[in-house]
Amino acid sequence: RPLSAGEPLRAADLRARQWFAAGDTVRISAVGAGWRIHGEGQALNPGLEGLTVRVRTESGRVVSGLAAGERTVERPL
């Protein structure tokens, strides 16, 4: 909707940033205390900033993580 100068934004006026689409190849980062491991997989749903996304790894396993950046999924361990 059009906004006038000084008009407050409502939550409904905002959309989450989409970092990648379903089917895109993404980098998976498993993160622990003092270490990080990387791999690749295929996104099974769109990666909206800060939301959980499912990814199929190269071995066929499906894992979940947070959409954290451009074609990047973080999986805290």
PDB file of N, CA and C in Angstrom:
ATOM      1  N   ARG A   1       0.838  -1.176   0.000  1.00  0.00           N
ATOM      2  CA  ARG A   1       0.000   0.000   0.000  1.00  0.00           C
ATOM      3  C   ARG A   1       0.878   1.231   0.000  1.00  0.00           C
ATOM      4  N   PRO A   2       0.450   2.287  -0.599  1.00  0.00           N
ATOM      5  CA  PRO A   2       1.243   3.521  -0.598  1.00  0.00           C
ATOM      6  C   PRO A   2       1.323   4.107   0.812  1.00  0.00           C
ATOM      7  N   LEU A   3       2.478   4.641   1.166  1.00  0.00           N
ATOM      8  CA  LEU A   3       2.672   5.259   2.475  1.00  0.00           C
ATOM      9  C   LEU A   3       3.009   6.736   2.306  1.00  0.00           C
ATOM     10  N   SER A   4       2.499   7.541   3.217  1.00  0.00           N
ATOM     11  CA  SER A   4       2.836   8.961   3.238  1.00  0.00           C
ATOM     12  C   SER A   4       4.038   9.160   4.150  1.00  0.00           C
ATOM     13  N   ALA A   5       4.747  10.253   3.966  1.00  0.00           N
ATOM     14  CA  ALA A   5       5.885  10.572   4.817  1.00  0.00           C
ATOM     15  C   ALA A   5       5.429  10.637   6.270  1.00  0.00           C
ATOM     16  N   GLY A   6       6.158   9.965   7.147  1.00  0.00           N
ATOM     17  CA  GLY A   6       5.844   9.979   8.573  1.00  0.00           C
ATOM     18  C   GLY A   6       4.808   8.953   9.004  1.00  0.00           C
ATOM     19  N   GLU A   7       4.191   8.262   8.062  1.00  0.00           N
ATOM     20  CA  GLU A   7       3.191   7.249   8.398  1.00  0.00           C
ATOM     21  C   GLU A   7       3.898   5.997   8.915  1.00  0.00           C
ATOM     22  N   PRO A   8       3.430   5.444  10.032  1.00  0.00           N
ATOM     23  CA  PRO A   8       4.112   4.273  10.595  1.00  0.00           C
ATOM     24  C   PRO A   8       3.902   3.021   9.736  1.00  0.00           C
ATOM     25  N   LEU A   9       4.910   2.159   9.770  1.00  0.00           N
ATOM     26  CA  LEU A   9       4.812   0.871   9.089  1.00  0.00           C
ATOM     27  C   LEU A   9       4.105  -0.127   9.999  1.00  0.00           C
ATOM     28  N   ARG A  10       3.346  -1.015   9.403  1.00  0.00           N
ATOM     29  CA  ARG A  10       2.713  -2.106  10.142  1.00  0.00           C
ATOM     30  C   ARG A  10       3.390  -3.401   9.722  1.00  0.00           C
ATOM     31  N   ALA A  11       3.273  -4.413  10.555  1.00  0.00           N
ATOM     32  CA  ALA A  11       3.878  -5.708  10.246  1.00  0.00           C
ATOM     33  C   ALA A  11       3.380  -6.238   8.905  1.00  0.00           C
ATOM     34  N   ALA A  12       2.143  -5.981   8.575  1.00  0.00           N
ATOM     35  CA  ALA A  12       1.566  -6.448   7.315  1.00  0.00           C
ATOM     36  C   ALA A  12       2.201  -5.754   6.101  1.00  0.00           C
ATOM     37  N   ASP A  13       2.884  -4.613   6.315  1.00  0.00           N
ATOM     38  CA  ASP A  13       3.523  -3.886   5.224  1.00  0.00           C
ATOM     39  C   ASP A  13       4.881  -4.484   4.846  1.00  0.00           C
ATOM     40  N   LEU A  14       5.412  -5.374   5.678  1.00  0.00           N
ATOM     41  CA  LEU A  14       6.757  -5.911   5.478  1.00  0.00           C
ATOM     42  C   LEU A  14       6.728  -7.357   5.024  1.00  0.00           C
ATOM     43  N   ARG A  15       7.740  -7.763   4.280  1.00  0.00           N
ATOM     44  CA  ARG A  15       7.898  -9.153   3.855  1.00  0.00           C
ATOM     45  C   ARG A  15       9.290  -9.613   4.267  1.00  0.00           C
ATOM     46  N   ALA A  16       9.412 -10.914   4.557  1.00  0.00           N
ATOM     47  CA  ALA A  16      10.724 -11.472   4.874  1.00  0.00           C
ATOM     48  C   ALA A  16      11.549 -11.563   3.597  1.00  0.00           C
ATOM     49  N   ARG A  17      12.848 -11.335   3.719  1.00  0.00           N
ATOM     50  CA  ARG A  17      13.750 -11.446   2.577  1.00  0.00           C
ATOM     51  C   ARG A  17      13.859 -12.911   2.155  1.00  0.00           C
ATOM     52  N   GLN A  18      13.771 -13.173   0.873  1.00  0.00           N
ATOM     53  CA  GLN A  18      13.926 -14.539   0.374  1.00  0.00           C
ATOM     54  C   GLN A  18      15.352 -14.693  -0.140  1.00  0.00           C
ATOM     55  N   TRP A  19      16.139 -15.549   0.525  1.00  0.00           N
ATOM     56  CA  TRP A  19      17.534 -15.757   0.167  1.00  0.00           C
ATOM     57  C   TRP A  19      17.703 -16.721  -0.993  1.00  0.00           C
ATOM     58  N   PHE A  20      16.775 -17.676  -1.136  1.00  0.00           N
ATOM     59  CA  PHE A  20      16.855 -18.639  -2.236  1.00  0.00           C
ATOM     60  C   PHE A  20      15.499 -19.284  -2.437  1.00  0.00           C
ATOM     61  N   ALA A  21      15.322 -19.934  -3.593  1.00  0.00           N
ATOM     62  CA  ALA A  21      14.057 -20.586  -3.937  1.00  0.00           C
ATOM     63  C   ALA A  21      14.178 -22.093  -3.744  1.00  0.00           C
ATOM     64  N   ALA A  22      13.040 -22.763  -3.663  1.00  0.00           N
ATOM     65  CA  ALA A  22      13.029 -24.222  -3.601  1.00  0.00           C
ATOM     66  C   ALA A  22      13.693 -24.752  -4.871  1.00  0.00           C
ATOM     67  N   GLY A  23      14.548 -25.759  -4.717  1.00  0.00           N
ATOM     68  CA  GLY A  23      15.258 -26.337  -5.846  1.00  0.00           C
ATOM     69  C   GLY A  23      16.648 -25.778  -6.060  1.00  0.00           C
ATOM     70  N   ASP A  24      16.962 -24.642  -5.441  1.00  0.00           N
ATOM     71  CA  ASP A  24      18.299 -24.059  -5.572  1.00  0.00           C
ATOM     72  C   ASP A  24      19.330 -24.893  -4.813  1.00  0.00           C
ATOM     73  N   THR A  25      20.550 -24.899  -5.308  1.00  0.00           N
ATOM     74  CA  THR A  25      21.660 -25.507  -4.575  1.00  0.00           C
ATOM     75  C   THR A  25      22.091 -24.527  -3.504  1.00  0.00           C
ATOM     76  N   VAL A  26      22.195 -25.007  -2.265  1.00  0.00           N
ATOM     77  CA  VAL A  26      22.551 -24.148  -1.138  1.00  0.00           C
ATOM     78  C   VAL A  26      23.751 -24.722  -0.403  1.00  0.00           C
ATOM     79  N   ARG A  27      24.439 -23.875   0.321  1.00  0.00           N
ATOM     80  CA  ARG A  27      25.563 -24.281   1.171  1.00  0.00           C
ATOM     81  C   ARG A  27      25.025 -24.492   2.576  1.00  0.00           C
ATOM     82  N   ILE A  28      25.307 -25.648   3.146  1.00  0.00           N
ATOM     83  CA  ILE A  28      24.866 -25.974   4.498  1.00  0.00           C
ATOM     84  C   ILE A  28      26.061 -25.807   5.433  1.00  0.00           C
ATOM     85  N   SER A  29      25.886 -25.039   6.500  1.00  0.00           N
ATOM     86  CA  SER A  29      26.934 -24.860   7.500  1.00  0.00           C
ATOM     87  C   SER A  29      26.443 -25.436   8.817  1.00  0.00           C
ATOM     88  N   ALA A  30      27.104 -26.508   9.268  1.00  0.00           N
ATOM     89  CA  ALA A  30      26.828 -27.054  10.600  1.00  0.00           C
ATOM     90  C   ALA A  30      27.761 -26.323  11.552  1.00  0.00           C
ATOM     91  N   VAL A  31      27.188 -25.690  12.582  1.00  0.00           N
ATOM     92  CA  VAL A  31      27.954 -24.805  13.448  1.00  0.00           C
ATOM     93  C   VAL A  31      27.921 -25.317  14.876  1.00  0.00           C
ATOM     94  N   GLY A  32      29.102 -25.396  15.500  1.00  0.00           N
ATOM     95  CA  GLY A  32      29.210 -25.783  16.897  1.00  0.00           C
ATOM     96  C   GLY A  32      30.120 -24.805  17.623  1.00  0.00           C
ATOM     97  N   ALA A  33      30.418 -25.098  18.873  1.00  0.00           N
ATOM     98  CA  ALA A  33      31.281 -24.232  19.682  1.00  0.00           C
ATOM     99  C   ALA A  33      32.712 -24.290  19.144  1.00  0.00           C
ATOM    100  N   GLY A  34      33.127 -23.275  18.398  1.00  0.00           N
ATOM    101  CA  GLY A  34      34.485 -23.181  17.895  1.00  0.00           C
ATOM    102  C   GLY A  34      34.758 -23.922  16.601  1.00  0.00           C
ATOM    103  N   TRP A  35      33.745 -24.432  15.929  1.00  0.00           N
ATOM    104  CA  TRP A  35      33.962 -25.137  14.663  1.00  0.00           C
ATOM    105  C   TRP A  35      32.793 -24.927  13.721  1.00  0.00           C
ATOM    106  N   ARG A  36      33.034 -25.208  12.428  1.00  0.00           N
ATOM    107  CA  ARG A  36      32.024 -25.056  11.379  1.00  0.00           C
ATOM    108  C   ARG A  36      32.381 -26.022  10.246  1.00  0.00           C
ATOM    109  N   ILE A  37      31.389 -26.769   9.753  1.00  0.00           N
ATOM    110  CA  ILE A  37      31.577 -27.703   8.638  1.00  0.00           C
ATOM    111  C   ILE A  37      30.624 -27.287   7.520  1.00  0.00           C
ATOM    112  N   HIS A  38      31.096 -27.364   6.285  1.00  0.00           N
ATOM    113  CA  HIS A  38      30.282 -26.960   5.144  1.00  0.00           C
ATOM    114  C   HIS A  38      29.979 -28.137   4.235  1.00  0.00           C
ATOM    115  N   GLY A  39      28.837 -28.085   3.596  1.00  0.00           N
ATOM    116  CA  GLY A  39      28.442 -29.058   2.589  1.00  0.00           C
ATOM    117  C   GLY A  39      27.446 -28.401   1.654  1.00  0.00           C
ATOM    118  N   GLU A  40      26.940 -29.161   0.704  1.00  0.00           N
ATOM    119  CA  GLU A  40      25.950 -28.623  -0.224  1.00  0.00           C
ATOM    120  C   GLU A  40      24.717 -29.499  -0.258  1.00  0.00           C
ATOM    121  N   GLY A  41      23.620 -28.917  -0.677  1.00  0.00           N
ATOM    122  CA  GLY A  41      22.386 -29.658  -0.811  1.00  0.00           C
ATOM    123  C   GLY A  41      21.402 -28.879  -1.664  1.00  0.00           C
ATOM    124  N   GLN A  42      20.218 -29.450  -1.815  1.00  0.00           N
ATOM    125  CA  GLN A  42      19.163 -28.821  -2.614  1.00  0.00           C
ATOM    126  C   GLN A  42      18.038 -28.395  -1.676  1.00  0.00           C
ATOM    127  N   ALA A  43      17.660 -27.122  -1.743  1.00  0.00           N
ATOM    128  CA  ALA A  43      16.587 -26.591  -0.905  1.00  0.00           C
ATOM    129  C   ALA A  43      15.259 -27.222  -1.301  1.00  0.00           C
ATOM    130  N   LEU A  44      14.492 -27.661  -0.309  1.00  0.00           N
ATOM    131  CA  LEU A  44      13.191 -28.262  -0.576  1.00  0.00           C
ATOM    132  C   LEU A  44      12.049 -27.261  -0.427  1.00  0.00           C
ATOM    133  N   ASN A  45      12.336 -26.116   0.174  1.00  0.00           N
ATOM    134  CA  ASN A  45      11.350 -25.040   0.260  1.00  0.00           C
ATOM    135  C   ASN A  45      12.094 -23.701   0.204  1.00  0.00           C
ATOM    136  N   PRO A  46      11.386 -22.604  -0.048  1.00  0.00           N
ATOM    137  CA  PRO A  46      12.056 -21.305  -0.171  1.00  0.00           C
ATOM    138  C   PRO A  46      12.755 -20.916   1.129  1.00  0.00           C
ATOM    139  N   GLY A  47      13.877 -20.251   1.004  1.00  0.00           N
ATOM    140  CA  GLY A  47      14.639 -19.794   2.164  1.00  0.00           C
ATOM    141  C   GLY A  47      14.291 -18.377   2.532  1.00  0.00           C
ATOM    142  N   LEU A  48      13.346 -18.221   3.438  1.00  0.00           N
ATOM    143  CA  LEU A  48      12.966 -16.893   3.920  1.00  0.00           C
ATOM    144  C   LEU A  48      13.798 -16.582   5.156  1.00  0.00           C
ATOM    145  N   GLU A  49      14.334 -15.379   5.211  1.00  0.00           N
ATOM    146  CA  GLU A  49      15.266 -14.977   6.256  1.00  0.00           C
ATOM    147  C   GLU A  49      14.766 -15.332   7.660  1.00  0.00           C
ATOM    148  N   GLY A  50      15.606 -16.061   8.397  1.00  0.00           N
ATOM    149  CA  GLY A  50      15.313 -16.407   9.787  1.00  0.00           C
ATOM    150  C   GLY A  50      14.348 -17.553   9.985  1.00  0.00           C
ATOM    151  N   LEU A  51      13.823 -18.132   8.901  1.00  0.00           N
ATOM    152  CA  LEU A  51      12.874 -19.236   9.037  1.00  0.00           C
ATOM    153  C   LEU A  51      13.548 -20.569   8.730  1.00  0.00           C
ATOM    154  N   THR A  52      12.950 -21.635   9.226  1.00  0.00           N
ATOM    155  CA  THR A  52      13.481 -22.972   9.014  1.00  0.00           C
ATOM    156  C   THR A  52      13.254 -23.420   7.578  1.00  0.00           C
ATOM    157  N   VAL A  53      14.267 -24.069   7.026  1.00  0.00           N
ATOM    158  CA  VAL A  53      14.204 -24.590   5.669  1.00  0.00           C
ATOM    159  C   VAL A  53      14.706 -26.032   5.688  1.00  0.00           C
ATOM    160  N   ARG A  54      14.141 -26.869   4.819  1.00  0.00           N
ATOM    161  CA  ARG A  54      14.588 -28.256   4.696  1.00  0.00           C
ATOM    162  C   ARG A  54      15.476 -28.372   3.465  1.00  0.00           C
ATOM    163  N   VAL A  55      16.545 -29.168   3.604  1.00  0.00           N
ATOM    164  CA  VAL A  55      17.528 -29.324   2.532  1.00  0.00           C
ATOM    165  C   VAL A  55      17.851 -30.809   2.373  1.00  0.00           C
ATOM    166  N   ARG A  56      17.892 -31.276   1.113  1.00  0.00           N
ATOM    167  CA  ARG A  56      18.330 -32.647   0.829  1.00  0.00           C
ATOM    168  C   ARG A  56      19.823 -32.597   0.529  1.00  0.00           C
ATOM    169  N   THR A  57      20.606 -33.342   1.323  1.00  0.00           N
ATOM    170  CA  THR A  57      22.057 -33.359   1.146  1.00  0.00           C
ATOM    171  C   THR A  57      22.443 -34.213  -0.045  1.00  0.00           C
ATOM    172  N   GLU A  58      23.721 -34.189  -0.392  1.00  0.00           N
ATOM    173  CA  GLU A  58      24.240 -34.977  -1.504  1.00  0.00           C
ATOM    174  C   GLU A  58      24.029 -36.470  -1.279  1.00  0.00           C
ATOM    175  N   SER A  59      23.997 -36.902  -0.008  1.00  0.00           N
ATOM    176  CA  SER A  59      23.806 -38.325   0.317  1.00  0.00           C
ATOM    177  C   SER A  59      22.332 -38.721   0.337  1.00  0.00           C
ATOM    178  N   GLY A  60      21.415 -37.741   0.167  1.00  0.00           N
ATOM    179  CA  GLY A  60      19.983 -38.018   0.150  1.00  0.00           C
ATOM    180  C   GLY A  60      19.280 -37.776   1.475  1.00  0.00           C
ATOM    181  N   ARG A  61      20.029 -37.464   2.506  1.00  0.00           N
ATOM    182  CA  ARG A  61      19.447 -37.186   3.820  1.00  0.00           C
ATOM    183  C   ARG A  61      18.800 -35.803   3.822  1.00  0.00           C
ATOM    184  N   VAL A  62      17.658 -35.667   4.507  1.00  0.00           N
ATOM    185  CA  VAL A  62      16.978 -34.372   4.616  1.00  0.00           C
ATOM    186  C   VAL A  62      17.271 -33.784   6.000  1.00  0.00           C
ATOM    187  N   VAL A  63      17.795 -32.555   6.017  1.00  0.00           N
ATOM    188  CA  VAL A  63      18.116 -31.858   7.260  1.00  0.00           C
ATOM    189  C   VAL A  63      17.389 -30.520   7.279  1.00  0.00           C
ATOM    190  N   SER A  64      17.245 -29.961   8.462  1.00  0.00           N
ATOM    191  CA  SER A  64      16.614 -28.646   8.623  1.00  0.00           C
ATOM    192  C   SER A  64      17.629 -27.662   9.175  1.00  0.00           C
ATOM    193  N   GLY A  65      17.474 -26.417   8.809  1.00  0.00           N
ATOM    194  CA  GLY A  65      18.331 -25.356   9.316  1.00  0.00           C
ATOM    195  C   GLY A  65      17.662 -24.013   9.093  1.00  0.00           C
ATOM    196  N   LEU A  66      18.377 -22.948   9.415  1.00  0.00           N
ATOM    197  CA  LEU A  66      17.849 -21.595   9.263  1.00  0.00           C
ATOM    198  C   LEU A  66      18.411 -20.943   8.011  1.00  0.00           C
ATOM    199  N   ALA A  67      17.556 -20.313   7.233  1.00  0.00           N
ATOM    200  CA  ALA A  67      18.016 -19.536   6.081  1.00  0.00           C
ATOM    201  C   ALA A  67      18.777 -18.338   6.633  1.00  0.00           C
ATOM    202  N   ALA A  68      20.095 -18.288   6.334  1.00  0.00           N
ATOM    203  CA  ALA A  68      20.946 -17.301   6.978  1.00  0.00           C
ATOM    204  C   ALA A  68      21.576 -16.302   6.019  1.00  0.00           C
ATOM    205  N   GLY A  69      21.473 -16.528   4.724  1.00  0.00           N
ATOM    206  CA  GLY A  69      22.092 -15.618   3.766  1.00  0.00           C
ATOM    207  C   GLY A  69      21.868 -16.119   2.357  1.00  0.00           C
ATOM    208  N   GLU A  70      22.525 -15.457   1.415  1.00  0.00           N
ATOM    209  CA  GLU A  70      22.399 -15.813   0.006  1.00  0.00           C
ATOM    210  C   GLU A  70      22.821 -17.264  -0.208  1.00  0.00           C
ATOM    211  N   ARG A  71      21.826 -18.132  -0.489  1.00  0.00           N
ATOM    212  CA  ARG A  71      22.053 -19.569  -0.715  1.00  0.00           C
ATOM    213  C   ARG A  71      22.827 -20.233   0.423  1.00  0.00           C
ATOM    214  N   THR A  72      22.535 -19.806   1.668  1.00  0.00           N
ATOM    215  CA  THR A  72      23.221 -20.334   2.840  1.00  0.00           C
ATOM    216  C   THR A  72      22.215 -20.779   3.897  1.00  0.00           C
ATOM    217  N   VAL A  73      22.420 -21.999   4.421  1.00  0.00           N
ATOM    218  CA  VAL A  73      21.593 -22.541   5.503  1.00  0.00           C
ATOM    219  C   VAL A  73      22.506 -22.875   6.668  1.00  0.00           C
ATOM    220  N   GLU A  74      22.174 -22.413   7.882  1.00  0.00           N
ATOM    221  CA  GLU A  74      22.948 -22.725   9.064  1.00  0.00           C
ATOM    222  C   GLU A  74      22.205 -23.720   9.913  1.00  0.00           C
ATOM    223  N   ARG A  75      22.941 -24.728  10.374  1.00  0.00           N
ATOM    224  CA  ARG A  75      22.383 -25.775  11.221  1.00  0.00           C
ATOM    225  C   ARG A  75      23.189 -25.797  12.513  1.00  0.00           C
ATOM    226  N   PRO A  76      22.672 -25.141  13.568  1.00  0.00           N
ATOM    227  CA  PRO A  76      23.405 -25.138  14.845  1.00  0.00           C
ATOM    228  C   PRO A  76      23.374 -26.542  15.482  1.00  0.00           C
ATOM    229  N   LEU A  77      24.509 -26.964  15.998  1.00  0.00           N
ATOM    230  CA  LEU A  77      24.596 -28.267  16.667  1.00  0.00           C
ATOM    231  C   LEU A  77      25.036 -28.098  18.106  1.00  0.00           C
TER     232      LEU A  77
END
